[in-house]
Amino acid sequence: MDTNRQQKVNRLIQRELSEIFLLDAKKMQGVLISVTNVRVSPDLGIAHAYLSVFPSEKAEELVKNINENVKTVRYDLGKRLRNQLRVIPELTFHVDDSLDYIENIDRLLNDQ
């Protein structure tokens, strides 16, 4: 169970990462990136961000690319949050495939 502080930091990081990816996605035509969830560790040192990418065929490649360039994303996040957080957590990005899972369940139910 997350503490109140963790929940606030989760929402803060999610909002700022969403804005960062919104600005970066404007450079890439036809790609939409949204941050669906952020989970920080109890010591606020590590943050796991879950990204939903449209179209989903590019998700794995895009998240791999983001994880390779995590230092620049963390730097941008640090510039935005320097007054709210003392230490900017280490970032790890994952693909959020929950929408694909829901779509698959709907398709299976409609086939019967």
N, C-alpha and C. Protein backbone atom coordinates (compact mmCIF):
# COMPACT_ATOMS: atom_id res chain seq x y z
N MET A 1 0.84 -1.18 0.00
CA MET A 1 0.00 0.00 0.00
C MET A 1 0.89 1.24 0.00
N ASP A 2 0.55 2.17 -0.86
CA ASP A 2 1.34 3.39 -0.98
C ASP A 2 0.93 4.39 0.10
N THR A 3 1.93 5.09 0.60
CA THR A 3 1.65 6.15 1.56
C THR A 3 1.11 7.37 0.81
N ASN A 4 0.61 8.32 1.57
CA ASN A 4 0.07 9.54 0.97
C ASN A 4 1.16 10.27 0.20
N ARG A 5 2.36 10.31 0.75
CA ARG A 5 3.49 10.97 0.07
C ARG A 5 3.81 10.29 -1.25
N GLN A 6 3.83 8.96 -1.27
CA GLN A 6 4.10 8.23 -2.50
C GLN A 6 3.04 8.52 -3.56
N GLN A 7 1.78 8.57 -3.14
CA GLN A 7 0.71 8.84 -4.09
C GLN A 7 0.84 10.23 -4.70
N LYS A 8 1.21 11.20 -3.89
CA LYS A 8 1.39 12.56 -4.40
C LYS A 8 2.55 12.64 -5.38
N VAL A 9 3.65 11.95 -5.05
CA VAL A 9 4.81 11.95 -5.94
C VAL A 9 4.48 11.19 -7.22
N ASN A 10 3.71 10.11 -7.12
CA ASN A 10 3.27 9.37 -8.31
C ASN A 10 2.52 10.29 -9.27
N ARG A 11 1.55 11.01 -8.74
CA ARG A 11 0.74 11.90 -9.59
C ARG A 11 1.57 13.04 -10.17
N LEU A 12 2.48 13.58 -9.36
CA LEU A 12 3.33 14.68 -9.82
C LEU A 12 4.24 14.23 -10.96
N ILE A 13 4.89 13.10 -10.80
CA ILE A 13 5.77 12.59 -11.85
C ILE A 13 4.98 12.21 -13.09
N GLN A 14 3.81 11.61 -12.91
CA GLN A 14 2.97 11.23 -14.06
C GLN A 14 2.58 12.46 -14.87
N ARG A 15 2.18 13.52 -14.20
CA ARG A 15 1.77 14.75 -14.90
C ARG A 15 2.93 15.36 -15.67
N GLU A 16 4.09 15.44 -15.04
CA GLU A 16 5.24 16.06 -15.69
C GLU A 16 5.78 15.20 -16.83
N LEU A 17 5.82 13.88 -16.66
CA LEU A 17 6.26 13.01 -17.74
C LEU A 17 5.30 13.09 -18.92
N SER A 18 4.00 13.20 -18.64
CA SER A 18 3.02 13.33 -19.72
C SER A 18 3.29 14.58 -20.54
N GLU A 19 3.60 15.67 -19.88
CA GLU A 19 3.90 16.91 -20.61
C GLU A 19 5.18 16.79 -21.41
N ILE A 20 6.19 16.14 -20.85
CA ILE A 20 7.45 15.95 -21.56
C ILE A 20 7.22 15.12 -22.83
N PHE A 21 6.49 14.02 -22.70
CA PHE A 21 6.25 13.16 -23.86
C PHE A 21 5.30 13.81 -24.85
N LEU A 22 4.42 14.67 -24.39
CA LEU A 22 3.54 15.39 -25.31
C LEU A 22 4.36 16.29 -26.23
N LEU A 23 5.33 16.99 -25.66
CA LEU A 23 6.18 17.85 -26.46
C LEU A 23 7.06 17.05 -27.41
N ASP A 24 7.57 15.90 -26.95
CA ASP A 24 8.41 15.06 -27.81
C ASP A 24 7.60 14.36 -28.89
N ALA A 25 6.36 14.00 -28.59
CA ALA A 25 5.53 13.29 -29.56
C ALA A 25 5.13 14.20 -30.71
N LYS A 26 5.13 15.51 -30.51
CA LYS A 26 4.82 16.42 -31.60
C LYS A 26 5.87 16.34 -32.70
N LYS A 27 7.10 15.96 -32.33
CA LYS A 27 8.17 15.81 -33.32
C LYS A 27 7.99 14.55 -34.15
N MET A 28 7.35 13.52 -33.57
CA MET A 28 7.13 12.26 -34.27
C MET A 28 5.68 12.22 -34.74
N GLN A 29 5.47 12.28 -36.02
CA GLN A 29 4.12 12.28 -36.56
C GLN A 29 3.50 10.89 -36.46
N GLY A 30 2.25 10.83 -36.05
CA GLY A 30 1.51 9.58 -36.01
C GLY A 30 1.75 8.72 -34.79
N VAL A 31 2.38 9.27 -33.75
CA VAL A 31 2.62 8.50 -32.53
C VAL A 31 2.04 9.26 -31.35
N LEU A 32 1.32 8.54 -30.51
CA LEU A 32 0.73 9.13 -29.31
C LEU A 32 1.24 8.35 -28.10
N ILE A 33 1.85 9.06 -27.15
CA ILE A 33 2.39 8.44 -25.95
C ILE A 33 1.65 9.00 -24.75
N SER A 34 1.13 8.12 -23.90
CA SER A 34 0.50 8.59 -22.68
C SER A 34 1.05 7.80 -21.49
N VAL A 35 1.23 8.49 -20.39
CA VAL A 35 1.73 7.86 -19.17
C VAL A 35 0.51 7.41 -18.37
N THR A 36 0.34 6.10 -18.26
CA THR A 36 -0.87 5.58 -17.61
C THR A 36 -0.71 5.44 -16.11
N ASN A 37 0.51 5.15 -15.65
CA ASN A 37 0.70 4.92 -14.22
C ASN A 37 2.17 5.14 -13.87
N VAL A 38 2.41 5.61 -12.67
CA VAL A 38 3.77 5.75 -12.13
C VAL A 38 3.75 5.18 -10.73
N ARG A 39 4.76 4.36 -10.42
CA ARG A 39 4.89 3.78 -9.09
C ARG A 39 6.29 4.08 -8.58
N VAL A 40 6.38 4.78 -7.46
CA VAL A 40 7.68 5.07 -6.86
C VAL A 40 7.91 4.12 -5.69
N SER A 41 9.17 3.86 -5.41
CA SER A 41 9.53 3.01 -4.29
C SER A 41 9.29 3.76 -2.98
N PRO A 42 9.23 3.07 -1.86
CA PRO A 42 8.98 3.74 -0.58
C PRO A 42 10.03 4.81 -0.22
N ASP A 43 11.27 4.65 -0.68
CA ASP A 43 12.28 5.66 -0.40
C ASP A 43 12.33 6.75 -1.47
N LEU A 44 11.41 6.71 -2.43
CA LEU A 44 11.29 7.68 -3.53
C LEU A 44 12.54 7.73 -4.40
N GLY A 45 13.29 6.63 -4.46
CA GLY A 45 14.52 6.60 -5.22
C GLY A 45 14.37 6.00 -6.61
N ILE A 46 13.35 5.19 -6.81
CA ILE A 46 13.13 4.52 -8.10
C ILE A 46 11.68 4.73 -8.50
N ALA A 47 11.46 5.08 -9.77
CA ALA A 47 10.11 5.26 -10.29
C ALA A 47 9.93 4.38 -11.52
N HIS A 48 8.86 3.61 -11.54
CA HIS A 48 8.50 2.79 -12.69
C HIS A 48 7.33 3.47 -13.37
N ALA A 49 7.53 3.87 -14.63
CA ALA A 49 6.48 4.55 -15.40
C ALA A 49 5.96 3.60 -16.47
N TYR A 50 4.65 3.52 -16.59
CA TYR A 50 4.01 2.65 -17.56
C TYR A 50 3.44 3.52 -18.68
N LEU A 51 3.86 3.21 -19.92
CA LEU A 51 3.49 4.02 -21.07
C LEU A 51 2.56 3.24 -21.98
N SER A 52 1.54 3.95 -22.46
CA SER A 52 0.65 3.41 -23.47
C SER A 52 0.97 4.14 -24.77
N VAL A 53 1.26 3.36 -25.80
CA VAL A 53 1.70 3.93 -27.07
C VAL A 53 0.69 3.57 -28.15
N PHE A 54 0.33 4.55 -28.95
CA PHE A 54 -0.54 4.32 -30.11
C PHE A 54 0.21 4.75 -31.35
N PRO A 55 0.37 3.97 -32.34
CA PRO A 55 -0.10 2.60 -32.53
C PRO A 55 0.74 1.61 -31.72
N SER A 56 0.10 0.55 -31.27
CA SER A 56 0.74 -0.38 -30.34
C SER A 56 1.84 -1.20 -30.99
N GLU A 57 1.92 -1.22 -32.32
CA GLU A 57 2.99 -1.96 -32.99
C GLU A 57 4.35 -1.33 -32.70
N LYS A 58 4.37 -0.04 -32.44
CA LYS A 58 5.63 0.67 -32.20
C LYS A 58 5.99 0.75 -30.72
N ALA A 59 5.19 0.15 -29.87
CA ALA A 59 5.35 0.32 -28.42
C ALA A 59 6.68 -0.21 -27.91
N GLU A 60 7.00 -1.46 -28.25
CA GLU A 60 8.23 -2.06 -27.73
C GLU A 60 9.46 -1.29 -28.18
N GLU A 61 9.50 -0.94 -29.45
CA GLU A 61 10.64 -0.21 -29.98
C GLU A 61 10.78 1.17 -29.33
N LEU A 62 9.66 1.84 -29.16
CA LEU A 62 9.68 3.19 -28.59
C LEU A 62 10.09 3.18 -27.12
N VAL A 63 9.57 2.25 -26.34
CA VAL A 63 9.93 2.16 -24.93
C VAL A 63 11.39 1.76 -24.78
N LYS A 64 11.88 0.90 -25.65
CA LYS A 64 13.30 0.54 -25.62
C LYS A 64 14.16 1.77 -25.90
N ASN A 65 13.76 2.57 -26.86
CA ASN A 65 14.48 3.80 -27.20
C ASN A 65 14.44 4.79 -26.03
N ILE A 66 13.31 4.91 -25.37
CA ILE A 66 13.18 5.82 -24.22
C ILE A 66 14.07 5.34 -23.08
N ASN A 67 14.11 4.02 -22.84
CA ASN A 67 14.96 3.49 -21.77
C ASN A 67 16.45 3.70 -22.06
N GLU A 68 16.81 3.71 -23.34
CA GLU A 68 18.20 3.98 -23.70
C GLU A 68 18.56 5.45 -23.48
N ASN A 69 17.58 6.33 -23.60
CA ASN A 69 17.80 7.77 -23.42
C ASN A 69 17.19 8.28 -22.13
N VAL A 70 17.18 7.45 -21.09
CA VAL A 70 16.52 7.78 -19.84
C VAL A 70 17.21 8.96 -19.14
N LYS A 71 18.49 9.16 -19.39
CA LYS A 71 19.19 10.26 -18.72
C LYS A 71 18.65 11.62 -19.15
N THR A 72 18.34 11.77 -20.42
CA THR A 72 17.81 13.06 -20.88
C THR A 72 16.40 13.29 -20.35
N VAL A 73 15.60 12.21 -20.27
CA VAL A 73 14.25 12.35 -19.73
C VAL A 73 14.32 12.71 -18.25
N ARG A 74 15.23 12.07 -17.53
CA ARG A 74 15.39 12.37 -16.10
C ARG A 74 15.88 13.80 -15.90
N TYR A 75 16.76 14.26 -16.77
CA TYR A 75 17.25 15.64 -16.69
C TYR A 75 16.10 16.64 -16.91
N ASP A 76 15.28 16.37 -17.94
CA ASP A 76 14.13 17.24 -18.20
C ASP A 76 13.15 17.23 -17.03
N LEU A 77 12.93 16.05 -16.46
CA LEU A 77 12.06 15.93 -15.30
C LEU A 77 12.64 16.69 -14.12
N GLY A 78 13.95 16.60 -13.94
CA GLY A 78 14.62 17.31 -12.85
C GLY A 78 14.49 18.82 -12.98
N LYS A 79 14.56 19.33 -14.21
CA LYS A 79 14.40 20.78 -14.40
C LYS A 79 13.00 21.22 -14.01
N ARG A 80 12.01 20.36 -14.28
CA ARG A 80 10.62 20.72 -13.97
C ARG A 80 10.29 20.57 -12.49
N LEU A 81 10.93 19.61 -11.81
CA LEU A 81 10.58 19.29 -10.43
C LEU A 81 11.61 19.73 -9.41
N ARG A 82 12.55 20.55 -9.79
CA ARG A 82 13.64 20.90 -8.88
C ARG A 82 13.17 21.60 -7.62
N ASN A 83 12.01 22.26 -7.66
CA ASN A 83 11.51 22.95 -6.48
C ASN A 83 10.58 22.08 -5.63
N GLN A 84 10.10 20.96 -6.18
CA GLN A 84 9.19 20.11 -5.42
C GLN A 84 9.87 18.90 -4.79
N LEU A 85 10.87 18.33 -5.47
CA LEU A 85 11.53 17.13 -4.97
C LEU A 85 13.02 17.40 -4.75
N ARG A 86 13.53 16.84 -3.69
CA ARG A 86 14.96 16.99 -3.41
C ARG A 86 15.79 16.10 -4.34
N VAL A 87 15.38 14.84 -4.46
CA VAL A 87 16.08 13.88 -5.32
C VAL A 87 15.11 13.41 -6.40
N ILE A 88 15.55 13.49 -7.64
CA ILE A 88 14.74 12.98 -8.75
C ILE A 88 14.99 11.48 -8.85
N PRO A 89 13.93 10.67 -8.82
CA PRO A 89 14.13 9.21 -8.81
C PRO A 89 14.69 8.69 -10.13
N GLU A 90 15.36 7.54 -10.04
CA GLU A 90 15.80 6.83 -11.23
C GLU A 90 14.55 6.35 -11.96
N LEU A 91 14.52 6.47 -13.27
CA LEU A 91 13.34 6.15 -14.04
C LEU A 91 13.51 4.83 -14.80
N THR A 92 12.46 4.05 -14.82
CA THR A 92 12.37 2.84 -15.63
C THR A 92 11.02 2.87 -16.33
N PHE A 93 11.04 2.66 -17.64
CA PHE A 93 9.81 2.72 -18.42
C PHE A 93 9.40 1.32 -18.87
N HIS A 94 8.09 1.07 -18.83
CA HIS A 94 7.52 -0.22 -19.21
C HIS A 94 6.33 0.04 -20.14
N VAL A 95 6.04 -0.97 -20.96
CA VAL A 95 4.88 -0.89 -21.85
C VAL A 95 3.63 -1.27 -21.06
N ASP A 96 2.61 -0.43 -21.14
CA ASP A 96 1.33 -0.75 -20.52
C ASP A 96 0.43 -1.32 -21.60
N ASP A 97 0.21 -2.61 -21.55
CA ASP A 97 -0.59 -3.29 -22.58
C ASP A 97 -2.00 -3.61 -22.10
N SER A 98 -2.48 -2.91 -21.10
CA SER A 98 -3.81 -3.20 -20.57
C SER A 98 -4.90 -2.91 -21.60
N LEU A 99 -4.74 -1.87 -22.43
CA LEU A 99 -5.74 -1.58 -23.45
C LEU A 99 -5.78 -2.68 -24.52
N ASP A 100 -4.62 -3.21 -24.89
CA ASP A 100 -4.58 -4.32 -25.84
C ASP A 100 -5.23 -5.56 -25.24
N TYR A 101 -5.02 -5.76 -23.96
CA TYR A 101 -5.61 -6.91 -23.28
C TYR A 101 -7.14 -6.79 -23.27
N ILE A 102 -7.64 -5.61 -22.96
CA ILE A 102 -9.10 -5.38 -22.95
C ILE A 102 -9.68 -5.57 -24.34
N GLU A 103 -8.98 -5.05 -25.34
CA GLU A 103 -9.44 -5.19 -26.72
C GLU A 103 -9.49 -6.66 -27.13
N ASN A 104 -8.50 -7.42 -26.71
CA ASN A 104 -8.47 -8.85 -27.02
C ASN A 104 -9.63 -9.58 -26.35
N ILE A 105 -9.91 -9.26 -25.10
CA ILE A 105 -11.04 -9.89 -24.39
C ILE A 105 -12.36 -9.56 -25.09
N ASP A 106 -12.55 -8.30 -25.47
CA ASP A 106 -13.77 -7.91 -26.19
C ASP A 106 -13.91 -8.67 -27.51
N ARG A 107 -12.81 -8.80 -28.23
CA ARG A 107 -12.84 -9.50 -29.51
C ARG A 107 -13.20 -10.96 -29.30
N LEU A 108 -12.63 -11.59 -28.26
CA LEU A 108 -12.93 -12.99 -27.98
C LEU A 108 -14.38 -13.19 -27.58
N LEU A 109 -14.93 -12.25 -26.80
CA LEU A 109 -16.32 -12.37 -26.38
C LEU A 109 -17.28 -12.16 -27.55
N ASN A 110 -16.93 -11.28 -28.47
CA ASN A 110 -17.79 -11.01 -29.62
C ASN A 110 -17.74 -12.14 -30.65
N ASP A 111 -16.68 -12.92 -30.67
CA ASP A 111 -16.55 -14.02 -31.62
C ASP A 111 -17.47 -15.18 -31.27
N GLN A 112 -17.87 -15.30 -30.03
CA GLN A 112 -18.68 -16.44 -29.63
C GLN A 112 -20.13 -16.23 -29.90
